[in-house]
Amino acid sequence: MPLRSLSVLTLLLLLLAASPTQDAAGVTSSSQSDGLGVVPGQEFVLRLSAHDDLRAGVDFEAASYGVDLEGAQLGLDRAELVYGLLQENRLSFGFRDKEQARVVDLGDFRVPATALVRDSAPRPPASVMHTLQLESRKVTYRAPVDKRLNLREAASITAILPESGVAHVQPQLGHVYLLRYRGVPEVSDAWGRLVAFEVVELQPAQSVTLRCRILPGSP
């Protein structure tokens, strides 16, 4: 093969390796780390389908689907959140043995932008989802001009221990949710793990698309 053709082929392979990946199942991530899931603070997008049971749950730890086929039954051991499997048109959590979980709905929370003199284009408000962080057991977010503020709406999820038993929440388009879970093998810290997810697309009783991230500072 000519040397020029080899150079072009090598360049194409490098570009493909560096680009964000999206599989046929609807998972998009630009921040996977050695197959162990996303780095805290990085985001991934997952489309959950109520009528495709193997694509109805989230494994936040691996940034992937969390429902497995075990013989002729479904296994939810890896999932922290499922859609439509346990209750129609609901996101369910806290269903695993010994797991404690709590969800807080932050609503359609958008941080207003501050126009700068050097701006050459408008700055639309951004979802609070992108900058949430856990600091000293308090949830903060990034406000305009690089200032961090405490998120008062999240006080209950950090101060009150998650509860045992399955619970459900009806997803609302544009809303951001916090999920804290503990008591499961993948989370060794007694305080638990804190994740955020935003409903970016919704077809009620059919599918919901979530933008997800483990909060930086989460154990």
N, C-alpha and C. Protein backbone atom coordinates (compact mmCIF):
# COMPACT_ATOMS: atom_id res chain seq x y z
N MET A 1 0.85 -1.20 0.00
CA MET A 1 0.00 0.00 0.00
C MET A 1 0.89 1.25 0.00
N PRO A 2 0.58 2.27 -0.82
CA PRO A 2 1.40 3.49 -0.86
C PRO A 2 1.48 4.13 0.51
N LEU A 3 2.60 4.82 0.79
CA LEU A 3 2.84 5.47 2.08
C LEU A 3 1.77 6.51 2.36
N ARG A 4 1.34 7.27 1.34
CA ARG A 4 0.33 8.32 1.53
C ARG A 4 -0.98 7.73 2.01
N SER A 5 -1.38 6.59 1.44
CA SER A 5 -2.63 5.92 1.85
C SER A 5 -2.56 5.47 3.30
N LEU A 6 -1.39 4.96 3.71
CA LEU A 6 -1.23 4.54 5.11
C LEU A 6 -1.35 5.72 6.05
N SER A 7 -0.82 6.87 5.70
CA SER A 7 -0.89 8.06 6.54
C SER A 7 -2.32 8.52 6.72
N VAL A 8 -3.09 8.52 5.62
CA VAL A 8 -4.50 8.93 5.69
C VAL A 8 -5.29 7.97 6.57
N LEU A 9 -5.04 6.66 6.42
CA LEU A 9 -5.74 5.65 7.21
C LEU A 9 -5.41 5.81 8.69
N THR A 10 -4.14 6.07 9.01
CA THR A 10 -3.73 6.27 10.41
C THR A 10 -4.43 7.47 11.01
N LEU A 11 -4.53 8.57 10.25
CA LEU A 11 -5.19 9.78 10.73
C LEU A 11 -6.66 9.53 11.01
N LEU A 12 -7.34 8.81 10.12
CA LEU A 12 -8.76 8.49 10.32
C LEU A 12 -8.97 7.67 11.58
N LEU A 13 -8.10 6.69 11.82
CA LEU A 13 -8.22 5.85 13.02
C LEU A 13 -8.03 6.67 14.28
N LEU A 14 -7.08 7.61 14.28
CA LEU A 14 -6.86 8.47 15.45
C LEU A 14 -8.04 9.36 15.72
N LEU A 15 -8.68 9.91 14.66
CA LEU A 15 -9.84 10.77 14.82
C LEU A 15 -11.02 10.00 15.40
N LEU A 16 -11.22 8.77 14.93
CA LEU A 16 -12.31 7.94 15.44
C LEU A 16 -12.10 7.60 16.90
N ALA A 17 -10.86 7.33 17.29
CA ALA A 17 -10.57 6.97 18.67
C ALA A 17 -10.78 8.13 19.61
N ALA A 18 -10.58 9.35 19.15
CA ALA A 18 -10.68 10.53 20.02
C ALA A 18 -12.07 11.09 20.12
N SER A 19 -12.99 10.68 19.24
CA SER A 19 -14.32 11.28 19.20
C SER A 19 -15.23 10.65 20.23
N PRO A 20 -16.28 11.41 20.74
CA PRO A 20 -17.26 10.83 21.65
C PRO A 20 -17.95 9.65 20.99
N THR A 21 -18.36 8.66 21.76
CA THR A 21 -18.97 7.46 21.21
C THR A 21 -20.45 7.42 21.51
N GLN A 22 -21.20 6.86 20.57
CA GLN A 22 -22.62 6.62 20.78
C GLN A 22 -22.94 5.27 20.19
N ASP A 23 -23.48 4.38 21.02
CA ASP A 23 -23.80 3.06 20.50
C ASP A 23 -25.26 3.03 20.06
N ALA A 24 -25.64 1.88 19.49
CA ALA A 24 -27.00 1.76 18.98
C ALA A 24 -28.03 1.81 20.08
N ALA A 25 -27.62 1.62 21.31
CA ALA A 25 -28.55 1.62 22.42
C ALA A 25 -28.86 3.02 22.92
N GLY A 26 -28.19 4.03 22.42
CA GLY A 26 -28.49 5.39 22.81
C GLY A 26 -27.65 5.92 23.95
N VAL A 27 -26.48 5.38 24.15
CA VAL A 27 -25.58 5.87 25.20
C VAL A 27 -24.53 6.77 24.56
N THR A 28 -24.38 7.97 25.10
CA THR A 28 -23.36 8.88 24.61
C THR A 28 -22.49 9.31 25.76
N SER A 29 -21.17 9.19 25.59
CA SER A 29 -20.26 9.61 26.65
C SER A 29 -18.95 10.05 26.04
N SER A 30 -18.37 11.12 26.58
CA SER A 30 -17.06 11.57 26.11
C SER A 30 -16.03 11.46 27.20
N SER A 31 -16.35 10.70 28.27
CA SER A 31 -15.46 10.74 29.43
C SER A 31 -15.35 9.41 30.15
N GLN A 32 -15.38 8.30 29.43
CA GLN A 32 -15.26 7.02 30.10
C GLN A 32 -13.82 6.77 30.50
N SER A 33 -13.62 6.10 31.64
CA SER A 33 -12.28 5.90 32.19
C SER A 33 -11.99 4.42 32.39
N ASP A 34 -11.22 3.84 31.46
CA ASP A 34 -10.77 2.45 31.58
C ASP A 34 -11.91 1.47 31.79
N GLY A 35 -13.10 1.76 31.22
CA GLY A 35 -14.22 0.86 31.33
C GLY A 35 -14.88 0.85 32.69
N LEU A 36 -14.48 1.75 33.58
CA LEU A 36 -15.04 1.77 34.93
C LEU A 36 -16.14 2.80 35.08
N GLY A 37 -16.59 3.40 33.97
CA GLY A 37 -17.63 4.41 34.05
C GLY A 37 -17.06 5.80 33.88
N VAL A 38 -17.89 6.80 34.19
CA VAL A 38 -17.46 8.17 33.98
C VAL A 38 -16.67 8.71 35.16
N VAL A 39 -15.85 9.69 34.87
CA VAL A 39 -15.13 10.42 35.91
C VAL A 39 -16.14 11.34 36.59
N PRO A 40 -16.15 11.44 37.93
CA PRO A 40 -17.09 12.35 38.59
C PRO A 40 -17.02 13.74 37.99
N GLY A 41 -18.19 14.30 37.71
CA GLY A 41 -18.27 15.61 37.10
C GLY A 41 -18.50 15.57 35.60
N GLN A 42 -18.14 14.46 34.96
CA GLN A 42 -18.38 14.31 33.54
C GLN A 42 -19.79 13.76 33.31
N GLU A 43 -20.32 13.98 32.12
CA GLU A 43 -21.71 13.66 31.84
C GLU A 43 -21.85 12.54 30.81
N PHE A 44 -22.96 11.83 30.89
CA PHE A 44 -23.33 10.89 29.84
C PHE A 44 -24.84 10.96 29.65
N VAL A 45 -25.30 10.60 28.48
CA VAL A 45 -26.72 10.66 28.14
C VAL A 45 -27.21 9.25 27.85
N LEU A 46 -28.38 8.93 28.41
CA LEU A 46 -28.93 7.58 28.28
C LEU A 46 -30.42 7.68 28.00
N ARG A 47 -30.88 6.93 27.00
CA ARG A 47 -32.31 6.88 26.68
C ARG A 47 -32.91 5.59 27.24
N LEU A 48 -33.84 5.72 28.17
CA LEU A 48 -34.49 4.56 28.78
C LEU A 48 -35.83 4.31 28.09
N SER A 49 -36.08 3.06 27.76
CA SER A 49 -37.31 2.69 27.07
C SER A 49 -38.16 1.80 27.96
N ALA A 50 -39.41 2.19 28.16
CA ALA A 50 -40.32 1.40 28.99
C ALA A 50 -40.69 0.08 28.34
N HIS A 51 -40.53 -0.02 27.03
CA HIS A 51 -40.93 -1.24 26.31
C HIS A 51 -39.74 -2.04 25.81
N ASP A 52 -38.56 -1.67 26.24
CA ASP A 52 -37.35 -2.44 25.94
C ASP A 52 -36.68 -2.70 27.28
N ASP A 53 -37.05 -3.80 27.92
CA ASP A 53 -36.69 -3.99 29.33
C ASP A 53 -35.18 -3.99 29.59
N LEU A 54 -34.36 -4.39 28.61
CA LEU A 54 -32.92 -4.40 28.83
C LEU A 54 -32.32 -3.00 28.72
N ARG A 55 -33.12 -2.05 28.28
CA ARG A 55 -32.67 -0.66 28.18
C ARG A 55 -33.55 0.26 29.02
N ALA A 56 -34.00 -0.25 30.13
CA ALA A 56 -34.92 0.51 30.98
C ALA A 56 -34.30 0.98 32.28
N GLY A 57 -33.01 0.68 32.51
CA GLY A 57 -32.40 1.05 33.78
C GLY A 57 -31.02 1.66 33.60
N VAL A 58 -30.60 2.46 34.61
CA VAL A 58 -29.31 3.14 34.58
C VAL A 58 -28.37 2.53 35.61
N ASP A 59 -27.15 2.26 35.19
CA ASP A 59 -26.04 1.94 36.08
C ASP A 59 -25.13 3.17 36.08
N PHE A 60 -25.30 4.04 37.08
CA PHE A 60 -24.53 5.28 37.12
C PHE A 60 -23.03 5.01 37.27
N GLU A 61 -22.69 3.94 37.97
CA GLU A 61 -21.29 3.64 38.22
C GLU A 61 -20.53 3.30 36.94
N ALA A 62 -21.21 2.69 35.98
CA ALA A 62 -20.57 2.27 34.73
C ALA A 62 -20.98 3.13 33.55
N ALA A 63 -21.87 4.12 33.79
CA ALA A 63 -22.37 4.96 32.70
C ALA A 63 -22.98 4.12 31.59
N SER A 64 -23.85 3.19 31.97
CA SER A 64 -24.42 2.27 31.00
C SER A 64 -25.79 1.81 31.47
N TYR A 65 -26.42 0.95 30.66
CA TYR A 65 -27.67 0.33 31.08
C TYR A 65 -27.40 -0.65 32.21
N GLY A 66 -28.38 -0.78 33.13
CA GLY A 66 -28.15 -1.58 34.32
C GLY A 66 -29.04 -2.79 34.47
N VAL A 67 -29.79 -3.15 33.43
CA VAL A 67 -30.69 -4.31 33.50
C VAL A 67 -30.04 -5.48 32.78
N ASP A 68 -30.01 -6.64 33.44
CA ASP A 68 -29.41 -7.84 32.86
C ASP A 68 -30.47 -8.92 32.68
N LEU A 69 -30.23 -9.79 31.71
CA LEU A 69 -31.08 -10.96 31.52
C LEU A 69 -30.45 -12.13 32.25
N GLU A 70 -31.16 -12.66 33.25
CA GLU A 70 -30.68 -13.78 34.05
C GLU A 70 -31.61 -14.96 33.84
N GLY A 71 -31.22 -15.83 32.91
CA GLY A 71 -32.11 -16.91 32.52
C GLY A 71 -33.29 -16.33 31.77
N ALA A 72 -34.49 -16.53 32.32
CA ALA A 72 -35.70 -15.98 31.70
C ALA A 72 -36.22 -14.78 32.48
N GLN A 73 -35.39 -14.23 33.40
CA GLN A 73 -35.84 -13.13 34.24
C GLN A 73 -34.91 -11.93 34.11
N LEU A 74 -35.39 -10.79 34.59
CA LEU A 74 -34.59 -9.58 34.56
C LEU A 74 -33.87 -9.40 35.90
N GLY A 75 -32.59 -9.01 35.84
CA GLY A 75 -31.83 -8.72 37.05
C GLY A 75 -31.55 -7.23 37.15
N LEU A 76 -31.83 -6.65 38.31
CA LEU A 76 -31.65 -5.22 38.53
C LEU A 76 -30.52 -4.93 39.51
N ASP A 77 -29.62 -5.89 39.71
CA ASP A 77 -28.56 -5.74 40.70
C ASP A 77 -27.63 -4.57 40.40
N ARG A 78 -27.47 -4.22 39.12
CA ARG A 78 -26.54 -3.14 38.75
C ARG A 78 -27.23 -1.79 38.59
N ALA A 79 -28.54 -1.76 38.62
CA ALA A 79 -29.27 -0.53 38.32
C ALA A 79 -29.58 0.26 39.58
N GLU A 80 -29.41 1.57 39.50
CA GLU A 80 -29.84 2.46 40.58
C GLU A 80 -31.18 3.11 40.27
N LEU A 81 -31.57 3.09 38.99
CA LEU A 81 -32.77 3.79 38.55
C LEU A 81 -33.35 3.03 37.36
N VAL A 82 -34.66 2.81 37.35
CA VAL A 82 -35.32 2.17 36.20
C VAL A 82 -36.56 2.95 35.82
N TYR A 83 -36.95 2.83 34.55
CA TYR A 83 -38.12 3.55 34.05
C TYR A 83 -39.16 2.57 33.53
N GLY A 84 -40.36 2.65 34.09
CA GLY A 84 -41.49 1.88 33.59
C GLY A 84 -41.52 0.42 33.94
N LEU A 85 -40.48 -0.11 34.58
CA LEU A 85 -40.45 -1.54 34.90
C LEU A 85 -41.25 -1.88 36.15
N LEU A 86 -41.21 -1.00 37.14
CA LEU A 86 -41.88 -1.29 38.41
C LEU A 86 -43.18 -0.50 38.57
N GLN A 87 -43.29 0.60 37.84
CA GLN A 87 -44.52 1.38 37.84
C GLN A 87 -44.56 2.18 36.54
N GLU A 88 -45.72 2.17 35.90
CA GLU A 88 -45.84 2.81 34.59
C GLU A 88 -45.52 4.31 34.65
N ASN A 89 -44.74 4.75 33.69
CA ASN A 89 -44.38 6.17 33.54
C ASN A 89 -43.75 6.75 34.80
N ARG A 90 -43.02 5.93 35.54
CA ARG A 90 -42.34 6.40 36.75
C ARG A 90 -40.88 5.95 36.72
N LEU A 91 -40.03 6.79 37.28
CA LEU A 91 -38.65 6.40 37.57
C LEU A 91 -38.63 5.81 38.97
N SER A 92 -38.12 4.60 39.11
CA SER A 92 -38.12 3.90 40.39
C SER A 92 -36.69 3.76 40.90
N PHE A 93 -36.54 3.80 42.23
CA PHE A 93 -35.22 3.72 42.87
C PHE A 93 -35.38 3.06 44.24
N GLY A 94 -34.27 2.65 44.84
CA GLY A 94 -34.31 2.03 46.16
C GLY A 94 -34.88 0.64 46.17
N PHE A 95 -34.80 -0.07 45.06
CA PHE A 95 -35.44 -1.39 44.94
C PHE A 95 -34.50 -2.55 45.25
N ARG A 96 -33.21 -2.30 45.45
CA ARG A 96 -32.28 -3.39 45.71
C ARG A 96 -32.22 -3.71 47.20
N ASP A 97 -31.85 -4.95 47.49
CA ASP A 97 -31.78 -5.41 48.88
C ASP A 97 -30.81 -4.56 49.69
N LYS A 98 -31.24 -4.08 50.83
CA LYS A 98 -30.45 -3.28 51.79
C LYS A 98 -30.11 -1.88 51.27
N GLU A 99 -30.61 -1.52 50.11
CA GLU A 99 -30.32 -0.20 49.57
C GLU A 99 -31.21 0.86 50.22
N GLN A 100 -30.63 2.02 50.44
CA GLN A 100 -31.37 3.19 50.90
C GLN A 100 -31.18 4.29 49.87
N ALA A 101 -32.27 4.93 49.49
CA ALA A 101 -32.17 5.92 48.41
C ALA A 101 -33.20 7.03 48.62
N ARG A 102 -32.84 8.20 48.12
CA ARG A 102 -33.72 9.37 48.20
C ARG A 102 -33.52 10.22 46.95
N VAL A 103 -34.62 10.81 46.47
CA VAL A 103 -34.57 11.69 45.30
C VAL A 103 -35.15 13.04 45.68
N VAL A 104 -34.53 14.10 45.17
CA VAL A 104 -35.05 15.46 45.31
C VAL A 104 -35.20 16.06 43.92
N ASP A 105 -36.37 16.64 43.65
CA ASP A 105 -36.65 17.29 42.38
C ASP A 105 -36.29 18.77 42.50
N LEU A 106 -35.30 19.21 41.72
CA LEU A 106 -34.87 20.61 41.75
C LEU A 106 -35.66 21.48 40.79
N GLY A 107 -36.54 20.87 40.01
CA GLY A 107 -37.32 21.62 39.04
C GLY A 107 -36.50 21.97 37.81
N ASP A 108 -37.06 22.85 36.98
CA ASP A 108 -36.36 23.32 35.78
C ASP A 108 -35.49 24.49 36.20
N PHE A 109 -34.34 24.17 36.78
CA PHE A 109 -33.46 25.16 37.40
C PHE A 109 -32.40 25.59 36.39
N ARG A 110 -32.49 26.85 35.97
CA ARG A 110 -31.51 27.37 35.01
C ARG A 110 -30.81 28.59 35.60
N VAL A 111 -29.52 28.63 35.39
CA VAL A 111 -28.70 29.72 35.93
C VAL A 111 -28.62 30.84 34.90
N PRO A 112 -29.11 32.04 35.23
CA PRO A 112 -29.06 33.13 34.25
C PRO A 112 -27.63 33.52 33.92
N ALA A 113 -27.45 33.90 32.68
CA ALA A 113 -26.11 34.30 32.24
C ALA A 113 -25.90 35.79 32.48
N THR A 114 -24.65 36.16 32.57
CA THR A 114 -24.27 37.57 32.69
C THR A 114 -23.53 37.98 31.42
N ALA A 115 -24.07 38.96 30.74
CA ALA A 115 -23.46 39.41 29.49
C ALA A 115 -22.12 40.09 29.78
N LEU A 116 -21.14 39.79 28.96
CA LEU A 116 -19.82 40.39 29.07
C LEU A 116 -19.55 41.28 27.86
N VAL A 117 -18.73 42.28 28.07
CA VAL A 117 -18.44 43.22 26.99
C VAL A 117 -17.83 42.52 25.79
N ARG A 118 -17.02 41.50 26.05
CA ARG A 118 -16.31 40.83 24.95
C ARG A 118 -17.19 39.82 24.21
N ASP A 119 -18.41 39.58 24.67
CA ASP A 119 -19.28 38.58 24.03
C ASP A 119 -19.60 38.97 22.60
N SER A 120 -19.54 37.99 21.71
CA SER A 120 -19.91 38.22 20.32
C SER A 120 -21.22 37.52 19.96
N ALA A 121 -21.82 36.83 20.95
CA ALA A 121 -23.09 36.13 20.74
C ALA A 121 -23.85 36.10 22.07
N PRO A 122 -25.17 35.89 22.01
CA PRO A 122 -25.95 35.83 23.25
C PRO A 122 -25.50 34.67 24.14
N ARG A 123 -25.76 34.80 25.44
CA ARG A 123 -25.45 33.76 26.41
C ARG A 123 -26.77 33.27 27.04
N PRO A 124 -27.35 32.19 26.52
CA PRO A 124 -28.58 31.67 27.11
C PRO A 124 -28.33 31.13 28.51
N PRO A 125 -29.35 31.08 29.36
CA PRO A 125 -29.18 30.47 30.68
C PRO A 125 -28.88 28.98 30.56
N ALA A 126 -28.07 28.46 31.48
CA ALA A 126 -27.66 27.05 31.43
C ALA A 126 -28.29 26.28 32.58
N SER A 127 -28.54 25.00 32.35
CA SER A 127 -29.07 24.14 33.41
C SER A 127 -28.09 24.06 34.57
N VAL A 128 -28.62 24.08 35.78
CA VAL A 128 -27.78 23.95 36.98
C VAL A 128 -27.08 22.59 37.01
N MET A 129 -27.62 21.65 36.27
CA MET A 129 -27.08 20.28 36.20
C MET A 129 -25.57 20.25 35.94
N HIS A 130 -25.10 21.15 35.08
CA HIS A 130 -23.73 21.06 34.59
C HIS A 130 -22.67 21.41 35.63
N THR A 131 -23.02 22.15 36.66
CA THR A 131 -21.98 22.62 37.60
C THR A 131 -22.25 22.21 39.04
N LEU A 132 -23.20 21.32 39.28
CA LEU A 132 -23.46 20.85 40.64
C LEU A 132 -22.23 20.16 41.21
N GLN A 133 -21.98 20.37 42.49
CA GLN A 133 -20.81 19.79 43.15
C GLN A 133 -21.12 19.60 44.63
N LEU A 134 -20.52 18.57 45.22
CA LEU A 134 -20.69 18.31 46.65
C LEU A 134 -19.44 18.80 47.38
N GLU A 135 -19.63 19.79 48.29
CA GLU A 135 -18.52 20.36 49.04
C GLU A 135 -18.88 20.36 50.52
N SER A 136 -18.09 19.62 51.31
CA SER A 136 -18.35 19.53 52.76
C SER A 136 -19.80 19.14 53.03
N ARG A 137 -20.27 18.16 52.27
CA ARG A 137 -21.63 17.62 52.42
C ARG A 137 -22.71 18.65 52.10
N LYS A 138 -22.36 19.65 51.31
CA LYS A 138 -23.34 20.62 50.83
C LYS A 138 -23.25 20.68 49.30
N VAL A 139 -24.42 20.79 48.67
CA VAL A 139 -24.45 20.87 47.22
C VAL A 139 -24.33 22.33 46.80
N THR A 140 -23.38 22.60 45.92
CA THR A 140 -23.18 23.95 45.41
C THR A 140 -23.31 23.95 43.89
N TYR A 141 -23.49 25.14 43.33
CA TYR A 141 -23.51 25.27 41.88
C TYR A 141 -22.77 26.54 41.49
N ARG A 142 -22.38 26.59 40.25
CA ARG A 142 -21.59 27.72 39.76
C ARG A 142 -22.53 28.80 39.23
N ALA A 143 -22.48 29.97 39.83
CA ALA A 143 -23.27 31.11 39.39
C ALA A 143 -22.45 31.94 38.41
N PRO A 144 -23.05 32.97 37.81
CA PRO A 144 -22.29 33.81 36.88
C PRO A 144 -21.04 34.40 37.55
N VAL A 145 -20.07 34.73 36.74
CA VAL A 145 -18.80 35.31 37.16
C VAL A 145 -18.07 34.40 38.15
N ASP A 146 -18.16 33.09 37.90
CA ASP A 146 -17.37 32.08 38.63
C ASP A 146 -17.61 32.05 40.13
N LYS A 147 -18.75 32.45 40.59
CA LYS A 147 -19.09 32.40 42.01
C LYS A 147 -19.87 31.12 42.28
N ARG A 148 -19.53 30.42 43.39
CA ARG A 148 -20.25 29.20 43.76
C ARG A 148 -21.21 29.51 44.90
N LEU A 149 -22.44 28.99 44.78
CA LEU A 149 -23.48 29.23 45.77
C LEU A 149 -24.01 27.91 46.30
N ASN A 150 -24.44 27.91 47.55
CA ASN A 150 -25.11 26.73 48.11
C ASN A 150 -26.48 26.57 47.47
N LEU A 151 -26.81 25.33 47.16
CA LEU A 151 -28.12 25.02 46.59
C LEU A 151 -29.07 24.64 47.72
N ARG A 152 -29.87 25.60 48.17
CA ARG A 152 -30.74 25.36 49.33
C ARG A 152 -31.76 24.26 49.07
N GLU A 153 -32.19 24.12 47.81
CA GLU A 153 -33.18 23.11 47.47
C GLU A 153 -32.66 21.69 47.69
N ALA A 154 -31.33 21.55 47.81
CA ALA A 154 -30.73 20.22 47.98
C ALA A 154 -30.41 19.90 49.43
N ALA A 155 -30.76 20.78 50.36
CA ALA A 155 -30.38 20.59 51.76
C ALA A 155 -30.91 19.29 52.34
N SER A 156 -32.13 18.92 51.98
CA SER A 156 -32.74 17.73 52.58
C SER A 156 -32.04 16.44 52.17
N ILE A 157 -31.51 16.40 50.94
CA ILE A 157 -30.92 15.15 50.47
C ILE A 157 -29.55 14.90 51.11
N THR A 158 -28.88 15.95 51.56
CA THR A 158 -27.59 15.77 52.21
C THR A 158 -27.73 15.61 53.73
N ALA A 159 -28.77 16.21 54.31
CA ALA A 159 -28.92 16.20 55.77
C ALA A 159 -29.70 15.00 56.28
N ILE A 160 -30.62 14.48 55.48
CA ILE A 160 -31.49 13.38 55.91
C ILE A 160 -31.04 12.08 55.26
N LEU A 161 -30.90 11.03 56.06
CA LEU A 161 -30.48 9.74 55.52
C LEU A 161 -31.51 9.22 54.51
N PRO A 162 -31.03 8.61 53.43
CA PRO A 162 -31.96 7.98 52.48
C PRO A 162 -32.79 6.90 53.18
N GLU A 163 -33.94 6.61 52.61
CA GLU A 163 -34.87 5.64 53.19
C GLU A 163 -34.74 4.29 52.50
N SER A 164 -35.14 3.24 53.23
CA SER A 164 -35.16 1.90 52.65
C SER A 164 -36.47 1.69 51.91
N GLY A 165 -36.43 0.83 50.91
CA GLY A 165 -37.64 0.49 50.18
C GLY A 165 -37.76 1.24 48.87
N VAL A 166 -38.50 0.64 47.95
CA VAL A 166 -38.66 1.21 46.62
C VAL A 166 -39.54 2.45 46.67
N ALA A 167 -39.21 3.44 45.85
CA ALA A 167 -40.00 4.66 45.73
C ALA A 167 -40.00 5.06 44.26
N HIS A 168 -40.89 5.97 43.91
CA HIS A 168 -41.06 6.33 42.51
C HIS A 168 -41.22 7.85 42.37
N VAL A 169 -40.84 8.34 41.19
CA VAL A 169 -41.05 9.75 40.87
C VAL A 169 -41.45 9.83 39.40
N GLN A 170 -42.40 10.71 39.11
CA GLN A 170 -42.83 10.90 37.72
C GLN A 170 -41.91 11.91 37.05
N PRO A 171 -41.23 11.52 35.98
CA PRO A 171 -40.28 12.45 35.34
C PRO A 171 -41.00 13.62 34.70
N GLN A 172 -40.39 14.79 34.85
CA GLN A 172 -40.91 16.02 34.24
C GLN A 172 -39.86 16.58 33.29
N LEU A 173 -40.28 16.92 32.09
CA LEU A 173 -39.35 17.42 31.09
C LEU A 173 -38.64 18.68 31.57
N GLY A 174 -37.31 18.68 31.47
CA GLY A 174 -36.51 19.82 31.86
C GLY A 174 -36.11 19.85 33.31
N HIS A 175 -36.69 18.98 34.13
CA HIS A 175 -36.38 18.99 35.56
C HIS A 175 -35.05 18.29 35.83
N VAL A 176 -34.36 18.79 36.85
CA VAL A 176 -33.11 18.19 37.33
C VAL A 176 -33.40 17.51 38.67
N TYR A 177 -32.87 16.31 38.84
CA TYR A 177 -33.10 15.53 40.06
C TYR A 177 -31.75 15.16 40.68
N LEU A 178 -31.74 15.08 42.00
CA LEU A 178 -30.61 14.53 42.73
C LEU A 178 -31.01 13.18 43.30
N LEU A 179 -30.13 12.20 43.20
CA LEU A 179 -30.36 10.86 43.76
C LEU A 179 -29.18 10.51 44.66
N ARG A 180 -29.49 10.19 45.91
CA ARG A 180 -28.47 9.71 46.85
C ARG A 180 -28.79 8.28 47.21
N TYR A 181 -27.81 7.40 47.08
CA TYR A 181 -28.05 5.99 47.41
C TYR A 181 -26.86 5.44 48.18
N ARG A 182 -27.13 4.46 49.03
CA ARG A 182 -26.10 3.84 49.87
C ARG A 182 -26.54 2.43 50.22
N GLY A 183 -25.62 1.68 50.87
CA GLY A 183 -25.95 0.32 51.29
C GLY A 183 -25.84 -0.72 50.20
N VAL A 184 -25.12 -0.38 49.11
CA VAL A 184 -24.95 -1.33 48.01
C VAL A 184 -23.45 -1.58 47.81
N PRO A 185 -23.08 -2.73 47.24
CA PRO A 185 -21.66 -3.10 47.15
C PRO A 185 -20.78 -2.10 46.43
N GLU A 186 -21.31 -1.43 45.41
CA GLU A 186 -20.45 -0.54 44.62
C GLU A 186 -20.14 0.78 45.32
N VAL A 187 -20.79 1.05 46.46
CA VAL A 187 -20.55 2.28 47.21
C VAL A 187 -20.06 1.91 48.60
N SER A 188 -18.77 2.05 48.84
CA SER A 188 -18.19 1.63 50.11
C SER A 188 -18.37 2.68 51.21
N ASP A 189 -18.50 3.95 50.84
CA ASP A 189 -18.64 5.01 51.83
C ASP A 189 -20.03 4.97 52.45
N ALA A 190 -20.10 5.08 53.78
CA ALA A 190 -21.38 4.98 54.48
C ALA A 190 -22.32 6.12 54.12
N TRP A 191 -21.76 7.29 53.75
CA TRP A 191 -22.62 8.43 53.39
C TRP A 191 -23.37 8.16 52.10
N GLY A 192 -22.75 7.42 51.20
CA GLY A 192 -23.41 7.08 49.95
C GLY A 192 -22.86 7.84 48.76
N ARG A 193 -23.54 7.68 47.66
CA ARG A 193 -23.18 8.35 46.41
C ARG A 193 -24.26 9.37 46.07
N LEU A 194 -23.84 10.50 45.46
CA LEU A 194 -24.79 11.53 45.04
C LEU A 194 -24.63 11.76 43.55
N VAL A 195 -25.73 11.58 42.82
CA VAL A 195 -25.72 11.77 41.38
C VAL A 195 -26.82 12.74 40.99
N ALA A 196 -26.67 13.32 39.83
CA ALA A 196 -27.70 14.21 39.29
C ALA A 196 -28.12 13.69 37.92
N PHE A 197 -29.39 13.87 37.59
CA PHE A 197 -29.84 13.56 36.24
C PHE A 197 -30.92 14.56 35.82
N GLU A 198 -30.93 14.87 34.54
CA GLU A 198 -31.87 15.84 33.98
C GLU A 198 -32.69 15.16 32.89
N VAL A 199 -33.99 15.40 32.88
CA VAL A 199 -34.87 14.85 31.85
C VAL A 199 -34.79 15.76 30.63
N VAL A 200 -34.11 15.31 29.58
CA VAL A 200 -33.90 16.15 28.40
C VAL A 200 -34.87 15.81 27.27
N GLU A 201 -35.44 14.63 27.30
CA GLU A 201 -36.49 14.25 26.35
C GLU A 201 -37.45 13.32 27.07
N LEU A 202 -38.73 13.42 26.72
CA LEU A 202 -39.73 12.58 27.40
C LEU A 202 -40.88 12.27 26.46
N GLN A 203 -41.17 10.99 26.33
CA GLN A 203 -42.38 10.50 25.68
C GLN A 203 -43.11 9.67 26.73
N PRO A 204 -44.07 10.26 27.43
CA PRO A 204 -44.70 9.60 28.58
C PRO A 204 -45.13 8.16 28.28
N ALA A 205 -44.77 7.28 29.24
CA ALA A 205 -45.09 5.85 29.18
C ALA A 205 -44.35 5.13 28.06
N GLN A 206 -43.45 5.82 27.36
CA GLN A 206 -42.68 5.19 26.29
C GLN A 206 -41.17 5.25 26.57
N SER A 207 -40.65 6.47 26.66
CA SER A 207 -39.21 6.59 26.88
C SER A 207 -38.88 7.91 27.55
N VAL A 208 -37.72 7.93 28.21
CA VAL A 208 -37.20 9.14 28.83
C VAL A 208 -35.69 9.16 28.59
N THR A 209 -35.19 10.33 28.20
CA THR A 209 -33.76 10.49 27.98
C THR A 209 -33.19 11.34 29.11
N LEU A 210 -32.14 10.82 29.74
CA LEU A 210 -31.55 11.47 30.90
C LEU A 210 -30.12 11.88 30.61
N ARG A 211 -29.78 13.09 31.04
CA ARG A 211 -28.38 13.52 31.09
C ARG A 211 -27.92 13.31 32.53
N CYS A 212 -26.86 12.55 32.73
CA CYS A 212 -26.47 12.08 34.07
C CYS A 212 -25.03 12.46 34.41
N ARG A 213 -24.78 12.62 35.70
CA ARG A 213 -23.40 12.82 36.16
C ARG A 213 -23.30 12.50 37.66
N ILE A 214 -22.19 11.88 38.03
CA ILE A 214 -21.86 11.73 39.45
C ILE A 214 -21.26 13.06 39.91
N LEU A 215 -21.73 13.61 41.01
CA LEU A 215 -21.25 14.92 41.44
C LEU A 215 -19.80 14.85 41.89
N PRO A 216 -18.97 15.80 41.48
CA PRO A 216 -17.63 15.90 42.03
C PRO A 216 -17.72 16.10 43.54
N GLY A 217 -16.84 15.44 44.27
CA GLY A 217 -16.88 15.50 45.71
C GLY A 217 -17.71 14.40 46.34
N SER A 218 -18.47 13.68 45.51
CA SER A 218 -19.27 12.57 46.04
C SER A 218 -18.35 11.41 46.41
N PRO A 219 -18.58 10.77 47.57
CA PRO A 219 -17.73 9.64 47.98
C PRO A 219 -17.72 8.53 46.93
